[in-house]
Amino acid sequence: MKLSSKQIIFNLIIILLCLNTKAQTVGAESSGYVNFNLKNAPVTNYGSQKISLYGCNTESSTTLTWGVDNQVFPEVPYGPRKKGKKNYYISKYYMASPPVMKEPYDGTPVNIGLVLPDHFTFFGEEPVQVVHLDYTILQPVYLNYVKGNYQYNDSVHRTCDEMGVNLVPMNIECQDFAWRKKKSTPTIIGAKGASGVARMLNDSKNNKVFLPSYDSSANFLDCNISILDDILLEHEVFFVKGDSLVKSIKLTDYYTNDSMKGTDIQLACRVRKEIPPGCKKKKKEKAIPIKKK
């Protein structure tokens, strides 16, 4: 049967409408892009560098090449999602990049870098974020590990392990982290302080965080650690401090406080009743009118 020109045009319109509807559906679960610029590796003959992104109910990782700019990490989850009856929004991300060292750690000083920025919020129709990695700014340090305990039981609630909590993103801030003296950047001579994103997993290898020091077993840095649970959709996570549940603790105490030496970081978990801030779409700020003179 031969179709008339009107029928052909009508069928084409229907096909285009269907394709457009499909595109809109797929577009609801869109992606963002992160563009990485890396300085040279802090040690020679070092391989690729891993970096991990933690967003609401999602984790993404990639490996990067030292000394190369404009390395694009495509298809980073962004936009509205649904889990069960919960509607949430992936926009805010934290980024962690491990120290440059031999695996397993052999007890020698390692290089810890700066990820700038180490957290961001996507926005726009085709969102892109630029990130810089530089592992040549901070002084090398020794690593001193503190384990996390997912089995803490307060006899009232289930443990984090029983609730299925695995990844817990954290932020470590060290007040006295010394920067290297670089002739090319004289303005940072004498600068101190650094922070970065870490994560703790519920397994025997990764259920720990590290405290930096300038001696193998002394001269520990003054560091605090905070839970970044605004992107944890199902649970709220706390540190156990005495009889209190807190979101921030002094990490250095686990090596300098006699009553805490050798103990684990106790984690307590609660079912989250509301969608956390990092799982919501960012509201548009109202424009402030300019007063005319």
Protein backbone atom coordinates (compact mmCIF):
# COMPACT_ATOMS: atom_id res chain seq x y z
CA MET A 1 0.00 0.00 0.00
CA LYS A 2 1.41 3.37 -1.04
CA LEU A 3 1.21 6.12 1.57
CA SER A 4 0.22 9.61 0.66
CA SER A 5 2.53 12.53 1.38
CA LYS A 6 0.19 13.69 4.18
CA GLN A 7 0.31 10.24 5.83
CA ILE A 8 4.11 10.14 5.60
CA ILE A 9 4.38 13.58 7.24
CA PHE A 10 1.91 12.53 9.95
CA ASN A 11 3.91 9.35 10.71
CA LEU A 12 7.14 11.33 10.90
CA ILE A 13 5.57 13.72 13.40
CA ILE A 14 4.44 10.78 15.56
CA ILE A 15 7.95 9.24 15.47
CA LEU A 16 9.56 12.56 16.40
CA LEU A 17 7.14 13.03 19.28
CA CYS A 18 7.92 9.54 20.58
CA LEU A 19 11.66 10.15 20.32
CA ASN A 20 11.30 13.48 22.10
CA THR A 21 9.28 11.86 24.90
CA LYS A 22 11.93 9.16 25.30
CA ALA A 23 14.68 11.79 25.37
CA GLN A 24 12.88 13.69 28.10
CA THR A 25 12.49 10.51 30.16
CA VAL A 26 16.15 9.60 29.80
CA GLY A 27 17.17 13.20 30.42
CA ALA A 28 15.48 13.09 33.83
CA GLU A 29 18.42 10.91 34.90
CA SER A 30 21.11 13.04 33.34
CA SER A 31 24.86 13.22 33.93
CA GLY A 32 27.48 15.81 34.68
CA TYR A 33 31.15 16.06 33.77
CA VAL A 34 34.23 16.67 35.90
CA ASN A 35 37.37 18.03 34.25
CA PHE A 36 40.61 17.20 36.11
CA ASN A 37 43.93 19.03 35.84
CA LEU A 38 46.88 17.19 37.41
CA LYS A 39 50.31 18.51 38.29
CA ASN A 40 53.34 16.22 37.96
CA ALA A 41 53.54 13.18 40.23
CA PRO A 42 55.30 13.93 43.55
CA VAL A 43 57.52 10.87 43.10
CA THR A 44 59.09 9.51 39.92
CA ASN A 45 57.84 6.38 38.16
CA TYR A 46 54.46 6.56 39.90
CA GLY A 47 51.46 5.19 38.05
CA SER A 48 47.94 6.49 37.67
CA GLN A 49 46.04 8.19 40.46
CA LYS A 50 42.62 7.09 41.68
CA ILE A 51 39.96 9.56 42.71
CA SER A 52 36.50 8.82 44.08
CA LEU A 53 33.37 10.95 44.04
CA TYR A 54 30.68 10.52 46.69
CA GLY A 55 27.21 11.92 46.06
CA CYS A 56 23.75 11.20 47.39
CA ASN A 57 23.32 7.43 47.43
CA THR A 58 26.05 7.07 44.78
CA GLU A 59 29.78 6.46 44.41
CA SER A 60 31.88 6.92 41.27
CA SER A 61 35.60 6.34 40.75
CA THR A 62 38.14 6.84 38.00
CA THR A 63 41.89 6.74 37.46
CA LEU A 64 43.83 9.75 36.21
CA THR A 65 47.24 10.35 34.66
CA TRP A 66 49.80 12.61 36.36
CA GLY A 67 50.99 15.71 34.55
CA VAL A 68 48.01 15.91 32.21
CA ASP A 69 45.31 18.58 32.15
CA ASN A 70 41.73 18.37 30.89
CA GLN A 71 41.05 14.76 31.81
CA VAL A 72 37.28 14.40 31.61
CA PHE A 73 35.31 12.08 33.87
CA PRO A 74 31.99 11.81 31.98
CA GLU A 75 28.57 10.54 32.98
CA VAL A 76 28.76 11.44 36.66
CA PRO A 77 25.22 10.86 37.99
CA TYR A 78 23.23 14.07 38.29
CA GLY A 79 19.61 15.04 38.73
CA PRO A 80 16.45 13.42 40.12
CA ARG A 81 16.43 9.79 41.21
CA LYS A 82 14.09 7.48 43.09
CA LYS A 83 14.72 4.66 45.56
CA GLY A 84 11.61 2.88 46.77
CA LYS A 85 9.25 5.64 47.82
CA LYS A 86 12.02 8.20 48.27
CA ASN A 87 12.58 10.87 45.65
CA TYR A 88 16.01 12.46 45.89
CA TYR A 89 18.37 14.60 43.84
CA ILE A 90 22.04 13.99 43.03
CA SER A 91 23.91 17.26 42.82
CA LYS A 92 26.39 17.62 45.68
CA TYR A 93 29.67 15.69 45.56
CA TYR A 94 32.65 15.14 47.84
CA MET A 95 35.96 13.94 46.38
CA ALA A 96 38.69 11.81 47.96
CA SER A 97 42.09 10.95 46.52
CA PRO A 98 44.42 8.56 48.38
CA PRO A 99 48.03 9.37 49.34
CA VAL A 100 50.79 8.58 46.87
CA MET A 101 52.46 5.54 48.43
CA LYS A 102 53.38 1.91 47.98
CA GLU A 103 50.68 -0.68 48.62
CA PRO A 104 50.60 -2.05 51.23
CA TYR A 105 51.88 0.89 53.24
CA ASP A 106 55.50 0.22 54.23
CA GLY A 107 55.75 2.80 57.03
CA THR A 108 57.70 5.44 55.10
CA PRO A 109 56.62 9.08 54.57
CA VAL A 110 53.97 9.57 51.90
CA ASN A 111 52.69 12.49 49.84
CA ILE A 112 49.23 13.83 50.56
CA GLY A 113 47.80 16.21 48.03
CA LEU A 114 45.27 18.96 47.71
CA VAL A 115 42.12 18.41 45.70
CA LEU A 116 40.73 21.82 44.80
CA PRO A 117 37.84 21.95 45.33
CA ASP A 118 37.21 18.76 47.30
CA HIS A 119 33.46 19.25 47.20
CA PHE A 120 31.08 20.98 44.83
CA THR A 121 27.46 21.18 43.71
CA PHE A 122 26.49 20.60 40.09
CA PHE A 123 24.03 22.99 38.48
CA GLY A 124 22.93 23.97 34.99
CA GLU A 125 21.55 22.10 31.99
CA GLU A 126 24.90 20.48 31.12
CA PRO A 127 26.86 20.72 34.39
CA VAL A 128 30.65 20.69 34.41
CA GLN A 129 33.08 21.06 37.33
CA VAL A 130 36.82 21.77 37.03
CA VAL A 131 39.10 20.18 39.67
CA HIS A 132 42.85 20.58 40.25
CA LEU A 133 45.11 18.00 41.95
CA ASP A 134 48.49 19.00 43.35
CA TYR A 135 50.50 16.57 45.48
CA THR A 136 53.63 18.74 45.66
CA ILE A 137 52.39 21.42 48.07
CA LEU A 138 52.20 19.65 51.44
CA GLN A 139 55.10 18.19 53.42
CA PRO A 140 55.31 14.35 53.33
CA VAL A 141 53.96 12.63 56.43
CA TYR A 142 53.76 9.27 58.17
CA LEU A 143 50.38 7.55 58.42
CA ASN A 144 48.93 6.32 61.72
CA TYR A 145 45.73 4.34 61.35
CA VAL A 146 42.63 4.45 63.52
CA LYS A 147 40.02 1.74 62.98
CA GLY A 148 36.28 2.26 62.86
CA ASN A 149 33.80 -0.01 64.61
CA TYR A 150 30.52 -0.72 62.80
CA GLN A 151 29.49 -3.15 65.55
CA TYR A 152 28.83 -0.61 68.32
CA ASN A 153 25.63 -1.58 70.15
CA ASP A 154 23.79 0.71 72.53
CA SER A 155 21.24 -2.09 73.27
CA VAL A 156 18.41 0.14 71.98
CA HIS A 157 19.15 0.45 68.27
CA ARG A 158 20.66 -1.86 65.68
CA THR A 159 24.36 -1.55 64.89
CA CYS A 160 25.58 0.16 61.72
CA ASP A 161 26.56 -3.28 60.44
CA GLU A 162 23.09 -4.71 61.12
CA MET A 163 21.51 -1.74 59.33
CA GLY A 164 23.61 -2.37 56.24
CA VAL A 165 25.62 0.83 56.44
CA ASN A 166 28.84 0.55 54.49
CA LEU A 167 30.46 3.72 53.18
CA VAL A 168 30.76 6.70 55.53
CA PRO A 169 32.30 9.86 54.01
CA MET A 170 34.30 12.05 56.37
CA ASN A 171 36.30 15.27 56.36
CA ILE A 172 39.67 15.51 58.11
CA GLU A 173 41.01 18.95 59.03
CA CYS A 174 44.57 19.36 60.31
CA GLN A 175 45.40 22.76 61.75
CA ASP A 176 49.18 22.43 61.59
CA PHE A 177 49.80 20.66 58.29
CA ALA A 178 53.00 22.28 56.98
CA TRP A 179 53.24 23.42 53.37
CA ARG A 180 56.45 23.00 51.42
CA LYS A 181 58.58 26.05 50.72
CA LYS A 182 58.42 26.62 47.00
CA LYS A 183 60.41 29.36 45.28
CA SER A 184 57.77 29.61 42.58
CA THR A 185 55.05 30.37 45.15
CA PRO A 186 56.71 32.47 47.88
CA THR A 187 53.36 33.59 49.27
CA ILE A 188 52.73 30.16 50.81
CA ILE A 189 56.03 29.98 52.73
CA GLY A 190 55.14 29.29 56.35
CA ALA A 191 51.56 28.35 55.53
CA LYS A 192 49.95 25.70 57.71
CA GLY A 193 46.69 23.81 57.64
CA ALA A 194 44.99 21.42 55.23
CA SER A 195 41.78 19.44 54.95
CA GLY A 196 40.54 16.61 52.78
CA VAL A 197 37.79 14.08 52.28
CA ALA A 198 38.21 10.51 53.52
CA ARG A 199 35.94 7.52 53.67
CA MET A 200 35.51 4.49 55.90
CA LEU A 201 34.15 1.17 54.63
CA ASN A 202 32.73 -1.74 56.57
CA ASP A 203 35.41 -4.30 55.72
CA SER A 204 38.66 -5.48 57.28
CA LYS A 205 40.86 -3.57 54.81
CA ASN A 206 39.16 -0.18 54.61
CA ASN A 207 37.46 0.27 58.01
CA LYS A 208 40.01 2.90 59.06
CA VAL A 209 41.22 6.46 58.59
CA PHE A 210 44.72 7.82 59.09
CA LEU A 211 46.21 10.46 61.35
CA PRO A 212 49.30 12.18 59.83
CA SER A 213 52.50 12.72 61.82
CA TYR A 214 55.99 14.07 61.17
CA ASP A 215 57.72 11.23 63.03
CA SER A 216 57.00 7.54 62.69
CA SER A 217 55.44 7.37 66.17
CA ALA A 218 55.32 10.96 67.44
CA ASN A 219 54.72 14.58 66.46
CA PHE A 220 51.10 13.89 65.49
CA LEU A 221 49.21 16.61 63.67
CA ASP A 222 46.30 18.39 65.32
CA CYS A 223 43.38 16.95 63.36
CA ASN A 224 39.61 16.82 63.71
CA ILE A 225 37.31 14.51 61.78
CA SER A 226 33.67 15.15 60.86
CA ILE A 227 31.00 12.94 59.30
CA LEU A 228 29.67 14.16 55.96
CA ASP A 229 26.31 12.47 56.21
CA ASP A 230 24.31 15.06 54.28
CA ILE A 231 24.60 12.74 51.24
CA LEU A 232 23.62 9.54 53.10
CA LEU A 233 20.05 8.89 51.99
CA GLU A 234 18.96 6.03 54.23
CA HIS A 235 20.88 6.58 57.47
CA GLU A 236 22.31 9.19 59.76
CA VAL A 237 25.74 8.36 61.20
CA PHE A 238 27.32 9.59 64.45
CA PHE A 239 30.53 9.21 66.41
CA VAL A 240 30.08 7.85 69.94
CA LYS A 241 31.77 10.15 72.44
CA GLY A 242 31.10 9.01 76.00
CA ASP A 243 27.34 9.08 76.44
CA SER A 244 26.84 11.44 73.49
CA LEU A 245 26.41 11.06 69.77
CA VAL A 246 28.34 13.72 67.85
CA LYS A 247 29.24 14.51 64.23
CA SER A 248 32.82 15.66 64.90
CA ILE A 249 35.66 14.39 67.12
CA LYS A 250 39.36 15.08 67.70
CA LEU A 251 41.23 12.42 65.73
CA THR A 252 44.57 13.18 67.42
CA ASP A 253 43.17 11.95 70.78
CA TYR A 254 43.32 8.37 69.52
CA TYR A 255 47.14 8.61 69.69
CA THR A 256 47.76 11.21 72.40
CA ASN A 257 45.00 10.70 74.99
CA ASP A 258 45.97 7.92 77.40
CA SER A 259 42.36 6.78 77.87
CA MET A 260 41.79 6.54 74.08
CA LYS A 261 45.06 5.11 72.79
CA GLY A 262 44.51 1.89 70.86
CA THR A 263 40.72 2.20 70.87
CA ASP A 264 38.50 2.22 67.79
CA ILE A 265 36.24 4.97 66.52
CA GLN A 266 32.74 3.89 67.52
CA LEU A 267 30.03 4.56 64.92
CA ALA A 268 26.32 4.70 65.68
CA CYS A 269 23.62 4.71 63.00
CA ARG A 270 19.98 5.77 62.93
CA VAL A 271 17.32 5.42 60.27
CA ARG A 272 16.93 8.75 58.51
CA LYS A 273 13.37 10.03 58.45
CA GLU A 274 13.85 13.04 56.18
CA ILE A 275 15.77 13.65 52.98
CA PRO A 276 19.16 15.20 53.94
CA PRO A 277 20.25 18.57 52.48
CA GLY A 278 22.82 17.02 50.12
CA CYS A 279 20.07 14.91 48.52
CA LYS A 280 17.82 17.83 47.63
CA LYS A 281 17.79 20.08 44.60
CA LYS A 282 19.46 23.39 45.28
CA LYS A 283 16.92 26.18 45.49
CA LYS A 284 17.39 29.19 43.30
CA GLU A 285 18.39 32.26 45.26
CA LYS A 286 16.15 35.26 44.95
CA ALA A 287 17.69 38.16 43.11
CA ILE A 288 18.35 41.24 45.24
CA PRO A 289 16.95 44.32 43.50
CA ILE A 290 19.44 47.09 42.82
CA LYS A 291 18.33 50.42 44.12
CA LYS A 292 18.56 53.15 41.59
CA LYS A 293 20.23 56.35 42.69
